[in-house]
Amino acid sequence: MIDALLPHVIRGIPDEARMGLATNSLKLFGSVIRDASNGQIVYHLQEAAPLAQSLASNFSPVGVANIAVNAVQNEVNRRAIERVASAVDALTEVAHVNLALSAAGIGVSAAGFAIIAKRLDRIEASMASVEDKIDQVISKIEEATRRETQDLFSNIRGLATLYEDSWSLSDIGRAERDCQRIWQDGAALQDMTERRAEHALSNAALGYDAARPHLEAFALVTGLRIAALLACNENETARRVEQDTYQRIDRLTGSLGLADLLPLAMQEGSQPGSQEWLLDRARAGRELRPVVSEIRLREQALATRTAALPLLEDVGVRPREWLEQARAEEGVELLCLAPKK
């Protein structure tokens, strides 16, 4: 452990944070936990190496929000809420499970290629699941477009591999050059995923379901770019990339809410205002709430990747040193940085 960080690092999620989240005195906002009364950051969250093993189980890629909700429901069914403490644990873990499974991740991408590859697998599976819907709308996806999609995922995997390999290089100068390449080459991939997400969102017949895998890919590439910059201690550039990224995701989904998603989720043919229509609207609303949560969670995660930099700078620790600590962790999936421990 880095000596300067000893007063600030907590391995795992502390009980105070769990209880605060359960009682709503604390709020999870992306990769930070804030005091609900004043918005002050109480904890910074950072994924660590053991998270890769935890994500190795084969979750269905139907949407991380639904996965998390199902996980809590299964926990409630299994234990029948025998103890208040176990219920609190289950309910407060859901947000962290949700965020960990998403492409946005928790904190900075530091826990290795296995996590990035697993998230990319889910994005590819999600992409495949919506292709039938897209086919119905535009008759046939051109082969060139399919190849472009395959190339996109191949290039993202290539950058993820380059990032992982850079950590094993003894030549720090070469490692930094590789990280700078990830930052530069990732910009074009980020632009491509943004364009595709925007196209889907602007097409009323496609909508968010078709945009989701592109938004997740956008978040994943952005995470790689920022991680690469922080691995070579380019703090200010990382901050600028984060600010630009947040502005772009906010433009894409910032105004997207339940009312915007309802029309595609409702059955056709019912008379507006009728009992059948009202019941269907209520059903669609219940099903879409986790989707809205997913959208907000992604936005928040992309806004908080560099949130821990002021604390690291105050104690004289470089970002690369903090990422090395997360990569070397063996016992817990998440590390917390607390301004005051």
Protein backbone atom coordinates (compact mmCIF):
# COMPACT_ATOMS: atom_id res chain seq x y z
CA MET A 1 0.00 0.00 0.00
CA ILE A 2 1.25 3.49 -0.84
CA ASP A 3 2.07 5.19 2.45
CA ALA A 4 0.45 8.49 1.51
CA LEU A 5 -2.83 6.69 0.80
CA LEU A 6 -2.97 4.64 4.00
CA PRO A 7 -5.21 7.15 5.83
CA HIS A 8 -7.62 7.25 2.90
CA VAL A 9 -7.96 3.72 1.45
CA ILE A 10 -10.71 1.35 2.54
CA ARG A 11 -10.75 -2.15 1.08
CA GLY A 12 -14.32 -2.93 0.10
CA ILE A 13 -17.48 -0.95 0.78
CA PRO A 14 -17.54 0.13 4.44
CA ASP A 15 -20.58 -0.57 6.60
CA GLU A 16 -21.18 3.15 7.03
CA ALA A 17 -21.53 3.53 3.27
CA ARG A 18 -23.91 0.57 2.97
CA MET A 19 -26.14 1.88 5.72
CA GLY A 20 -26.02 5.40 4.33
CA LEU A 21 -27.11 4.17 0.91
CA ALA A 22 -29.86 2.07 2.46
CA THR A 23 -31.24 5.02 4.45
CA ASN A 24 -30.74 7.51 1.59
CA SER A 25 -28.43 9.72 3.65
CA LEU A 26 -25.81 8.85 1.02
CA LYS A 27 -26.32 8.67 -2.74
CA LEU A 28 -24.38 6.73 -5.34
CA PHE A 29 -23.47 9.00 -8.24
CA GLY A 30 -21.38 7.20 -10.82
CA SER A 31 -18.07 6.28 -9.23
CA VAL A 32 -18.55 8.37 -6.10
CA ILE A 33 -20.81 8.25 -3.06
CA ARG A 34 -22.11 11.65 -2.00
CA ASP A 35 -23.68 13.08 1.14
CA ALA A 36 -27.34 13.51 0.19
CA SER A 37 -27.67 16.68 2.26
CA ASN A 38 -24.91 18.73 0.64
CA GLY A 39 -23.57 16.76 -2.34
CA GLN A 40 -20.11 16.44 -0.82
CA ILE A 41 -18.11 13.41 -1.95
CA VAL A 42 -17.71 10.96 0.92
CA TYR A 43 -16.14 8.03 -0.96
CA HIS A 44 -14.47 7.48 -4.32
CA LEU A 45 -14.98 3.97 -5.74
CA GLN A 46 -12.39 2.10 -7.79
CA GLU A 47 -12.69 -1.36 -9.31
CA ALA A 48 -9.84 -3.71 -8.42
CA ALA A 49 -8.33 -6.85 -9.93
CA PRO A 50 -10.57 -9.45 -8.17
CA LEU A 51 -13.58 -7.97 -9.96
CA ALA A 52 -12.55 -9.92 -13.07
CA GLN A 53 -13.21 -13.24 -11.33
CA SER A 54 -16.54 -11.98 -10.00
CA LEU A 55 -17.64 -11.06 -13.52
CA ALA A 56 -16.59 -14.42 -14.94
CA SER A 57 -20.06 -15.90 -14.40
CA ASN A 58 -22.15 -15.92 -17.53
CA PHE A 59 -24.77 -13.22 -17.06
CA SER A 60 -27.41 -12.74 -19.73
CA PRO A 61 -26.77 -9.52 -21.69
CA VAL A 62 -30.36 -8.28 -21.53
CA GLY A 63 -29.42 -5.10 -19.70
CA VAL A 64 -27.50 -4.63 -16.49
CA ALA A 65 -30.34 -2.80 -14.80
CA ASN A 66 -32.67 -5.78 -15.18
CA ILE A 67 -29.89 -8.12 -14.03
CA ALA A 68 -29.41 -6.13 -10.87
CA VAL A 69 -33.12 -5.98 -10.10
CA ASN A 70 -33.43 -9.73 -10.63
CA ALA A 71 -30.45 -10.31 -8.36
CA VAL A 72 -32.09 -8.42 -5.53
CA GLN A 73 -35.41 -10.18 -6.07
CA ASN A 74 -33.71 -13.58 -5.98
CA GLU A 75 -31.92 -12.58 -2.79
CA VAL A 76 -35.18 -11.51 -1.19
CA ASN A 77 -36.89 -14.73 -2.23
CA ARG A 78 -34.04 -16.90 -1.01
CA ARG A 79 -33.61 -15.38 2.42
CA ALA A 80 -37.20 -14.17 2.90
CA ILE A 81 -35.69 -11.11 4.54
CA GLU A 82 -34.89 -13.11 7.65
CA ARG A 83 -32.72 -10.35 8.94
CA VAL A 84 -32.86 -6.63 8.32
CA ALA A 85 -29.11 -6.58 7.84
CA SER A 86 -29.19 -9.07 4.99
CA ALA A 87 -31.94 -7.10 3.25
CA VAL A 88 -29.94 -3.90 3.59
CA ASP A 89 -26.90 -5.61 2.09
CA ALA A 90 -28.89 -6.94 -0.85
CA LEU A 91 -30.54 -3.63 -1.62
CA THR A 92 -27.43 -1.51 -1.34
CA GLU A 93 -25.33 -3.90 -3.40
CA VAL A 94 -27.67 -3.59 -6.39
CA ALA A 95 -26.28 -0.26 -7.56
CA HIS A 96 -22.71 -1.51 -7.36
CA VAL A 97 -23.58 -4.73 -9.22
CA ASN A 98 -25.33 -2.65 -11.85
CA LEU A 99 -22.38 -0.33 -12.31
CA ALA A 100 -19.77 -3.11 -12.25
CA LEU A 101 -21.55 -5.03 -15.01
CA SER A 102 -21.99 -1.98 -17.21
CA ALA A 103 -19.47 -0.88 -19.81
CA ALA A 104 -18.94 2.33 -17.85
CA GLY A 105 -17.43 0.40 -14.93
CA ILE A 106 -16.48 1.74 -11.54
CA GLY A 107 -13.79 4.38 -11.42
CA VAL A 108 -10.96 4.00 -13.94
CA SER A 109 -10.46 0.85 -16.01
CA ALA A 110 -7.63 -0.74 -14.07
CA ALA A 111 -8.53 -4.33 -13.31
CA GLY A 112 -7.22 -5.89 -16.49
CA PHE A 113 -8.14 -7.10 -19.96
CA ALA A 114 -10.43 -9.84 -18.64
CA ILE A 115 -12.96 -7.30 -17.38
CA ILE A 116 -12.84 -5.21 -20.54
CA ALA A 117 -13.21 -8.31 -22.71
CA LYS A 118 -16.18 -9.53 -20.66
CA ARG A 119 -17.92 -6.19 -21.00
CA LEU A 120 -17.20 -6.13 -24.72
CA ASP A 121 -18.64 -9.64 -25.07
CA ARG A 122 -21.87 -8.38 -23.53
CA ILE A 123 -21.98 -5.41 -25.88
CA GLU A 124 -21.50 -7.69 -28.90
CA ALA A 125 -24.24 -10.02 -27.67
CA SER A 126 -26.53 -7.05 -27.12
CA MET A 127 -25.74 -5.83 -30.62
CA ALA A 128 -26.67 -9.20 -32.09
CA SER A 129 -29.93 -9.27 -30.16
CA VAL A 130 -31.17 -6.04 -31.76
CA GLU A 131 -30.08 -6.82 -35.33
CA ASP A 132 -33.34 -8.63 -36.07
CA LYS A 133 -35.27 -5.54 -35.04
CA ILE A 134 -33.06 -3.34 -37.21
CA ASP A 135 -33.51 -5.75 -40.13
CA GLN A 136 -37.27 -5.37 -39.89
CA VAL A 137 -36.97 -1.60 -40.09
CA ILE A 138 -34.46 -1.15 -42.91
CA SER A 139 -35.08 -4.46 -44.69
CA LYS A 140 -31.45 -5.56 -44.61
CA ILE A 141 -28.27 -4.40 -42.97
CA GLU A 142 -25.69 -3.89 -45.66
CA GLU A 143 -22.75 -6.24 -45.51
CA ALA A 144 -20.38 -3.28 -45.39
CA THR A 145 -22.10 -2.05 -42.25
CA ARG A 146 -21.80 -5.47 -40.65
CA ARG A 147 -18.10 -5.57 -41.45
CA GLU A 148 -17.71 -2.09 -40.01
CA THR A 149 -19.30 -3.30 -36.77
CA GLN A 150 -16.98 -6.31 -36.63
CA ASP A 151 -13.99 -4.04 -37.26
CA LEU A 152 -15.16 -1.72 -34.48
CA PHE A 153 -15.17 -4.50 -31.89
CA SER A 154 -11.88 -5.87 -33.19
CA ASN A 155 -10.26 -2.44 -32.84
CA ILE A 156 -11.62 -1.97 -29.32
CA ARG A 157 -10.21 -5.36 -28.33
CA GLY A 158 -6.90 -4.37 -29.87
CA LEU A 159 -6.73 -1.20 -27.79
CA ALA A 160 -7.73 -3.13 -24.65
CA THR A 161 -4.93 -5.62 -25.29
CA LEU A 162 -2.46 -2.81 -25.89
CA TYR A 163 -3.51 -1.19 -22.61
CA GLU A 164 -3.10 -4.42 -20.67
CA ASP A 165 0.27 -5.20 -22.26
CA SER A 166 1.56 -1.72 -21.48
CA TRP A 167 1.51 -2.57 -17.77
CA SER A 168 4.00 -5.39 -18.25
CA LEU A 169 6.59 -3.28 -20.08
CA SER A 170 9.78 -2.45 -18.25
CA ASP A 171 10.37 0.45 -20.64
CA ILE A 172 8.14 3.15 -19.16
CA GLY A 173 8.70 5.38 -22.16
CA ARG A 174 7.32 2.72 -24.49
CA ALA A 175 4.42 2.06 -22.14
CA GLU A 176 3.53 5.74 -22.21
CA ARG A 177 3.72 5.82 -26.01
CA ASP A 178 1.34 2.85 -26.17
CA CYS A 179 -1.07 4.60 -23.81
CA GLN A 180 -0.92 7.76 -25.90
CA ARG A 181 -1.77 5.66 -28.96
CA ILE A 182 -4.83 4.29 -27.14
CA TRP A 183 -5.95 7.82 -26.36
CA GLN A 184 -5.46 8.95 -29.97
CA ASP A 185 -6.80 5.89 -31.83
CA GLY A 186 -9.72 5.56 -29.44
CA ALA A 187 -11.03 8.98 -30.48
CA ALA A 188 -12.14 7.69 -33.90
CA LEU A 189 -13.86 4.67 -32.32
CA GLN A 190 -15.58 6.95 -29.84
CA ASP A 191 -16.84 9.11 -32.71
CA MET A 192 -18.16 6.06 -34.57
CA THR A 193 -20.09 4.70 -31.61
CA GLU A 194 -21.53 8.14 -30.93
CA ARG A 195 -22.76 8.50 -34.52
CA ARG A 196 -24.41 5.09 -34.46
CA ALA A 197 -26.11 5.76 -31.14
CA GLU A 198 -27.35 9.10 -32.41
CA HIS A 199 -28.73 7.47 -35.58
CA ALA A 200 -30.66 4.88 -33.58
CA LEU A 201 -32.03 7.44 -31.13
CA SER A 202 -33.18 9.73 -33.94
CA ASN A 203 -35.06 6.90 -35.67
CA ALA A 204 -38.45 6.50 -34.01
CA ALA A 205 -38.70 2.89 -35.21
CA LEU A 206 -35.39 1.93 -33.56
CA GLY A 207 -35.05 3.94 -30.37
CA TYR A 208 -33.08 3.21 -27.23
CA ASP A 209 -32.95 -0.59 -27.56
CA ALA A 210 -31.01 -0.26 -30.80
CA ALA A 211 -28.86 2.55 -29.40
CA ARG A 212 -27.95 0.77 -26.15
CA PRO A 213 -25.02 -1.35 -27.44
CA HIS A 214 -23.53 1.69 -29.18
CA LEU A 215 -23.87 3.78 -26.02
CA GLU A 216 -22.19 1.00 -24.03
CA ALA A 217 -19.38 0.80 -26.59
CA PHE A 218 -19.03 4.59 -26.36
CA ALA A 219 -18.67 4.30 -22.58
CA LEU A 220 -16.14 1.47 -22.87
CA VAL A 221 -13.91 3.27 -25.38
CA THR A 222 -14.07 6.45 -23.33
CA GLY A 223 -13.00 4.51 -20.26
CA LEU A 224 -10.02 3.07 -22.11
CA ARG A 225 -8.94 6.50 -23.30
CA ILE A 226 -9.11 8.04 -19.83
CA ALA A 227 -7.42 5.02 -18.23
CA ALA A 228 -4.59 5.24 -20.75
CA LEU A 229 -4.10 8.94 -20.03
CA LEU A 230 -4.04 8.40 -16.27
CA ALA A 231 -1.62 5.48 -16.68
CA CYS A 232 0.88 8.01 -17.98
CA ASN A 233 -0.18 10.67 -15.46
CA GLU A 234 -1.77 13.03 -18.00
CA ASN A 235 -4.23 14.44 -15.50
CA GLU A 236 -5.38 17.57 -17.30
CA THR A 237 -5.90 15.83 -20.63
CA ALA A 238 -7.89 13.11 -18.86
CA ARG A 239 -10.08 15.79 -17.30
CA ARG A 240 -10.68 17.39 -20.70
CA VAL A 241 -11.62 14.04 -22.25
CA GLU A 242 -14.03 13.38 -19.39
CA GLN A 243 -15.66 16.79 -19.77
CA ASP A 244 -16.01 16.36 -23.54
CA THR A 245 -17.38 12.84 -23.10
CA TYR A 246 -19.97 13.92 -20.57
CA GLN A 247 -21.16 16.72 -22.83
CA ARG A 248 -21.57 14.22 -25.66
CA ILE A 249 -23.45 11.60 -23.63
CA ASP A 250 -25.62 14.33 -22.14
CA ARG A 251 -26.51 15.49 -25.64
CA LEU A 252 -27.42 11.93 -26.61
CA THR A 253 -29.43 10.81 -23.59
CA GLY A 254 -29.55 13.65 -21.07
CA SER A 255 -33.11 14.59 -21.99
CA LEU A 256 -34.24 10.99 -22.52
CA GLY A 257 -36.77 9.93 -19.92
CA LEU A 258 -39.68 7.62 -19.28
CA ALA A 259 -42.09 9.62 -21.44
CA ASP A 260 -39.75 9.31 -24.43
CA LEU A 261 -39.39 5.54 -24.08
CA LEU A 262 -43.04 4.68 -23.50
CA PRO A 263 -44.39 4.84 -27.10
CA LEU A 264 -42.18 2.02 -28.43
CA ALA A 265 -42.83 -0.11 -25.35
CA MET A 266 -46.62 0.07 -25.56
CA GLN A 267 -48.79 -2.22 -27.63
CA GLU A 268 -50.35 -0.81 -30.77
CA GLY A 269 -54.07 -0.58 -31.33
CA SER A 270 -55.43 0.48 -27.96
CA GLN A 271 -57.40 3.72 -27.78
CA PRO A 272 -55.54 6.48 -25.89
CA GLY A 273 -57.26 7.11 -22.59
CA SER A 274 -59.05 3.76 -22.53
CA GLN A 275 -58.66 1.37 -19.60
CA GLU A 276 -56.68 -1.00 -21.80
CA TRP A 277 -54.36 1.83 -22.81
CA LEU A 278 -53.89 2.99 -19.22
CA LEU A 279 -53.07 -0.53 -18.03
CA ASP A 280 -50.61 -1.03 -20.85
CA ARG A 281 -49.00 2.33 -20.09
CA ALA A 282 -48.61 1.36 -16.43
CA ARG A 283 -47.05 -1.98 -17.43
CA ALA A 284 -44.62 -0.33 -19.83
CA GLY A 285 -43.70 2.25 -17.20
CA ARG A 286 -42.80 -0.45 -14.67
CA GLU A 287 -40.67 -2.29 -17.22
CA LEU A 288 -38.88 0.86 -18.35
CA ARG A 289 -37.89 2.28 -14.96
CA PRO A 290 -34.75 0.09 -14.78
CA VAL A 291 -33.87 1.27 -18.29
CA VAL A 292 -34.11 4.91 -17.22
CA SER A 293 -31.93 4.07 -14.22
CA GLU A 294 -29.40 2.48 -16.57
CA ILE A 295 -29.29 5.65 -18.69
CA ARG A 296 -28.73 7.91 -15.68
CA LEU A 297 -26.13 5.55 -14.22
CA ARG A 298 -24.12 5.61 -17.44
CA GLU A 299 -24.20 9.40 -17.55
CA GLN A 300 -23.10 9.65 -13.93
CA ALA A 301 -20.28 7.15 -14.39
CA LEU A 302 -18.91 9.06 -17.38
CA ALA A 303 -18.96 12.27 -15.34
CA THR A 304 -16.94 10.91 -12.40
CA ARG A 305 -14.00 8.91 -13.78
CA THR A 306 -11.46 11.55 -12.75
CA ALA A 307 -13.23 12.62 -9.55
CA ALA A 308 -10.49 11.14 -7.35
CA LEU A 309 -7.72 13.21 -8.95
CA PRO A 310 -7.93 16.15 -6.51
CA LEU A 311 -7.48 13.82 -3.53
CA LEU A 312 -4.56 12.01 -5.22
CA GLU A 313 -2.94 15.33 -6.09
CA ASP A 314 -3.38 16.62 -2.53
CA VAL A 315 -1.53 13.63 -1.04
CA GLY A 316 1.13 13.57 -3.78
CA VAL A 317 0.16 10.25 -5.37
CA ARG A 318 0.27 9.89 -9.15
CA PRO A 319 -2.71 8.25 -10.88
CA ARG A 320 -0.50 5.47 -12.23
CA GLU A 321 0.49 4.54 -8.68
CA TRP A 322 -3.17 4.36 -7.64
CA LEU A 323 -4.02 2.20 -10.65
CA GLU A 324 -1.08 -0.09 -9.84
CA GLN A 325 -2.54 -0.47 -6.34
CA ALA A 326 -5.93 -1.45 -7.77
CA ARG A 327 -4.33 -3.93 -10.17
CA ALA A 328 -2.30 -5.50 -7.36
CA GLU A 329 -5.29 -5.93 -5.03
CA GLU A 330 -6.03 -9.59 -4.25
CA GLY A 331 -8.80 -9.58 -1.66
CA VAL A 332 -11.65 -7.25 -2.63
CA GLU A 333 -13.40 -6.22 -5.84
CA LEU A 334 -13.71 -2.55 -4.90
CA LEU A 335 -11.46 -0.04 -3.20
CA CYS A 336 -12.72 3.16 -1.58
CA LEU A 337 -10.85 6.41 -1.27
CA ALA A 338 -12.18 8.58 1.53
CA PRO A 339 -11.11 12.24 1.86
CA LYS A 340 -11.08 11.64 5.62
CA LYS A 341 -10.88 8.15 7.12
